[in-house]
């Protein structure tokens, strides 16, 4: 019975990991597309006198979507921006407690974001709200990426929290950890 649950949890981890990585790849493709689109718009405008007004609007949507898709991946690989002035002054035990607190706070904030982003996306879908711009599109289309991001945030914050709890002694004793989410540091059946 335990093996079945362990495999099921392993599958959940693998699924979330693949979704997160796929979203990061899509984010990179969108950023590359933005660079091409803006380059093309500049060439068309200054080389041929043609205006491509829609390119700026599409680029704005793509920037937003690429950030939303990549953010959970950045959290997963632990490469987000940190202000660690105070953290560097604390001892290992205080850092561990702070990491637990941060993970719990991250879970709660991401859950709230998930809840309200689902509501907002759904309401805009039901009402048929359109953006009033050069290219009118339904508002729910760009909003639908926010619940995906929030759900992935909840999952990865839970994984990070489990990692900190399970590696308490290593963290407090300042032993070298490869990364809080390295599968060798976090038993996959705990997720």
Protein backbone atom coordinates (compact mmCIF):
# COMPACT_ATOMS: atom_id res chain seq x y z
CA UNK A 1 0.00 0.00 0.00
CA UNK A 2 2.80 2.42 0.82
CA UNK A 3 4.51 1.75 -2.51
CA UNK A 4 1.38 2.72 -4.45
CA UNK A 5 1.09 6.01 -2.57
CA UNK A 6 4.80 6.63 -3.05
CA UNK A 7 4.53 6.06 -6.80
CA UNK A 8 1.44 8.24 -6.99
CA UNK A 9 3.23 11.07 -5.22
CA UNK A 10 6.25 10.59 -7.43
CA UNK A 11 4.01 10.94 -10.49
CA UNK A 12 2.55 14.17 -9.09
CA UNK A 13 6.02 15.60 -8.59
CA UNK A 14 7.09 14.57 -12.08
CA UNK A 15 3.95 16.08 -13.63
CA UNK A 16 4.42 19.42 -11.85
CA UNK A 17 8.12 19.39 -12.70
CA UNK A 18 7.41 18.80 -16.40
CA UNK A 19 4.68 21.47 -16.49
CA UNK A 20 7.01 23.96 -14.82
CA UNK A 21 9.87 23.20 -17.20
CA UNK A 22 7.55 23.32 -20.23
CA UNK A 23 6.25 26.73 -19.11
CA UNK A 24 9.83 27.99 -18.77
CA UNK A 25 10.61 26.84 -22.31
CA UNK A 26 7.47 28.54 -23.63
CA UNK A 27 8.54 31.68 -21.77
CA UNK A 28 11.90 31.60 -23.55
CA UNK A 29 10.20 31.12 -26.91
CA UNK A 30 7.93 34.10 -26.20
CA UNK A 31 10.91 36.31 -25.28
CA UNK A 32 12.68 35.27 -28.49
CA UNK A 33 9.49 36.03 -30.44
CA UNK A 34 9.32 39.47 -28.83
CA UNK A 35 12.88 40.22 -29.96
CA UNK A 36 12.06 39.15 -33.51
CA UNK A 37 8.78 41.05 -33.56
CA UNK A 38 10.30 44.30 -32.32
CA UNK A 39 13.23 43.98 -34.72
CA UNK A 40 10.82 43.41 -37.60
CA UNK A 41 8.69 46.39 -36.50
CA UNK A 42 11.76 48.66 -36.44
CA UNK A 43 12.92 47.47 -39.87
CA UNK A 44 9.44 47.92 -41.36
CA UNK A 45 8.95 51.35 -39.78
CA UNK A 46 12.33 52.90 -40.58
CA UNK A 47 13.21 50.91 -43.69
CA UNK A 48 9.86 50.83 -45.47
CA UNK A 49 7.75 53.44 -43.68
CA UNK A 50 5.19 50.84 -42.59
CA UNK A 51 3.62 50.98 -39.16
CA UNK A 52 3.08 47.76 -37.24
CA UNK A 53 1.11 49.06 -34.25
CA UNK A 54 -0.08 45.67 -33.18
CA UNK A 55 3.48 44.46 -32.51
CA UNK A 56 3.83 46.59 -29.38
CA UNK A 57 0.56 45.31 -27.99
CA UNK A 58 1.44 41.68 -28.69
CA UNK A 59 4.88 42.24 -27.15
CA UNK A 60 3.23 43.60 -23.98
CA UNK A 61 1.06 40.51 -23.65
CA UNK A 62 3.99 38.21 -24.38
CA UNK A 63 6.16 39.92 -21.74
CA UNK A 64 3.44 39.47 -19.13
CA UNK A 65 2.80 35.85 -20.11
CA UNK A 66 6.51 34.97 -20.23
CA UNK A 67 7.08 36.34 -16.72
CA UNK A 68 4.04 34.52 -15.36
CA UNK A 69 5.10 31.24 -16.98
CA UNK A 70 8.77 31.46 -15.93
CA UNK A 71 8.29 32.60 -12.31
CA UNK A 72 7.49 29.11 -10.89
CA UNK A 73 10.53 27.66 -12.65
CA UNK A 74 12.74 30.36 -11.12
CA UNK A 75 11.31 29.46 -7.70
CA UNK A 76 11.84 25.75 -8.36
CA UNK A 77 15.53 26.15 -9.22
CA UNK A 78 15.99 28.66 -6.37
CA UNK A 79 17.36 31.46 -8.55
CA UNK A 80 15.04 34.32 -7.64
CA UNK A 81 16.29 37.71 -6.44
CA UNK A 82 16.89 37.92 -2.70
CA UNK A 83 17.67 40.69 -0.27
CA UNK A 84 19.84 38.81 2.20
CA UNK A 85 21.40 41.55 4.31
CA UNK A 86 19.56 40.49 7.46
CA UNK A 87 19.69 36.77 6.64
CA UNK A 88 23.50 36.90 6.43
CA UNK A 89 23.66 38.31 9.96
CA UNK A 90 21.53 35.49 11.43
CA UNK A 91 22.75 32.12 12.61
CA UNK A 92 21.89 28.83 10.90
CA UNK A 93 19.00 28.00 13.24
CA UNK A 94 17.39 31.43 12.78
CA UNK A 95 17.86 31.10 9.00
CA UNK A 96 16.13 27.72 9.10
CA UNK A 97 13.18 29.15 11.07
CA UNK A 98 13.00 32.09 8.66
CA UNK A 99 13.05 29.71 5.68
CA UNK A 100 10.14 27.73 7.18
CA UNK A 101 8.23 30.97 7.80
CA UNK A 102 8.92 32.19 4.25
CA UNK A 103 7.71 28.91 2.77
CA UNK A 104 4.49 28.97 4.79
CA UNK A 105 3.92 32.62 3.88
CA UNK A 106 4.61 31.79 0.22
CA UNK A 107 2.07 28.96 0.32
CA UNK A 108 -0.59 31.19 1.87
CA UNK A 109 0.00 34.12 -0.49
CA UNK A 110 0.08 31.85 -3.54
CA UNK A 111 -3.15 30.17 -2.42
CA UNK A 112 -4.85 33.56 -2.11
CA UNK A 113 -3.51 34.55 -5.53
CA UNK A 114 -4.76 31.25 -6.95
CA UNK A 115 -8.24 31.79 -5.52
CA UNK A 116 -8.65 35.37 -6.73
CA UNK A 117 -7.05 34.75 -10.12
CA UNK A 118 -9.49 31.90 -10.77
CA UNK A 119 -12.40 34.16 -9.80
CA UNK A 120 -11.14 37.05 -11.95
CA UNK A 121 -10.47 34.83 -14.96
CA UNK A 122 -13.86 33.14 -14.66
CA UNK A 123 -15.77 36.43 -14.22
CA UNK A 124 -14.10 37.95 -17.27
CA UNK A 125 -14.87 34.81 -19.25
CA UNK A 126 -18.56 34.78 -18.23
CA UNK A 127 -19.02 38.52 -18.82
CA UNK A 128 -17.15 38.37 -22.13
CA UNK A 129 -15.05 41.39 -21.15
CA UNK A 130 -12.83 42.60 -23.97
CA UNK A 131 -9.67 44.68 -23.78
CA UNK A 132 -10.04 48.04 -25.48
CA UNK A 133 -6.88 48.32 -27.53
CA UNK A 134 -5.70 48.05 -31.13
CA UNK A 135 -6.40 44.30 -31.08
CA UNK A 136 -9.40 43.67 -28.86
CA UNK A 137 -9.06 40.27 -27.19
CA UNK A 138 -11.06 38.72 -24.37
CA UNK A 139 -9.53 39.73 -21.03
CA UNK A 140 -9.70 36.18 -19.72
CA UNK A 141 -7.13 35.03 -22.29
CA UNK A 142 -4.09 36.74 -20.69
CA UNK A 143 -5.61 36.27 -17.21
CA UNK A 144 -5.80 32.48 -17.58
CA UNK A 145 -2.05 32.17 -17.07
CA UNK A 146 -2.20 33.63 -13.55
CA UNK A 147 -4.00 30.64 -11.91
CA UNK A 148 -1.48 28.29 -13.54
CA UNK A 149 1.38 30.29 -12.05
CA UNK A 150 -0.26 30.46 -8.62
CA UNK A 151 -0.94 26.71 -8.55
CA UNK A 152 2.66 25.96 -9.45
CA UNK A 153 3.81 28.42 -6.77
CA UNK A 154 1.73 26.62 -4.14
CA UNK A 155 3.20 23.27 -5.17
CA UNK A 156 6.84 24.42 -5.22
CA UNK A 157 6.52 26.29 -1.92
CA UNK A 158 5.18 23.06 -0.39
CA UNK A 159 8.14 21.14 -1.85
CA UNK A 160 10.55 23.75 -0.47
CA UNK A 161 8.88 23.62 2.95
CA UNK A 162 9.18 19.80 3.03
CA UNK A 163 12.82 20.10 1.98
CA UNK A 164 13.59 22.54 4.78
CA UNK A 165 11.84 20.39 7.37
CA UNK A 166 13.50 17.17 6.23
CA UNK A 167 16.94 18.76 5.96
CA UNK A 168 16.75 20.64 9.26
CA UNK A 169 19.89 19.09 10.72
CA UNK A 170 21.93 19.57 7.54
CA UNK A 171 20.85 23.21 7.30
CA UNK A 172 21.45 24.00 10.97
CA UNK A 173 24.83 22.21 10.92
CA UNK A 174 25.63 24.16 7.74
CA UNK A 175 26.30 21.04 5.72
CA UNK A 176 26.48 21.52 1.98
CA UNK A 177 23.16 21.05 0.18
CA UNK A 178 23.24 21.02 -3.60
CA UNK A 179 19.89 22.79 -3.92
CA UNK A 180 16.78 22.72 -1.71
CA UNK A 181 14.93 20.89 -4.47
CA UNK A 182 17.57 18.36 -5.43
CA UNK A 183 15.89 14.91 -5.42
CA UNK A 184 18.83 13.55 -3.42
CA UNK A 185 18.01 15.99 -0.63
CA UNK A 186 14.22 15.54 -0.62
CA UNK A 187 12.77 12.06 -0.58
CA UNK A 188 10.24 12.11 -3.40
CA UNK A 189 7.75 10.01 -1.47
CA UNK A 190 7.31 12.86 1.01
CA UNK A 191 5.62 15.02 -1.59
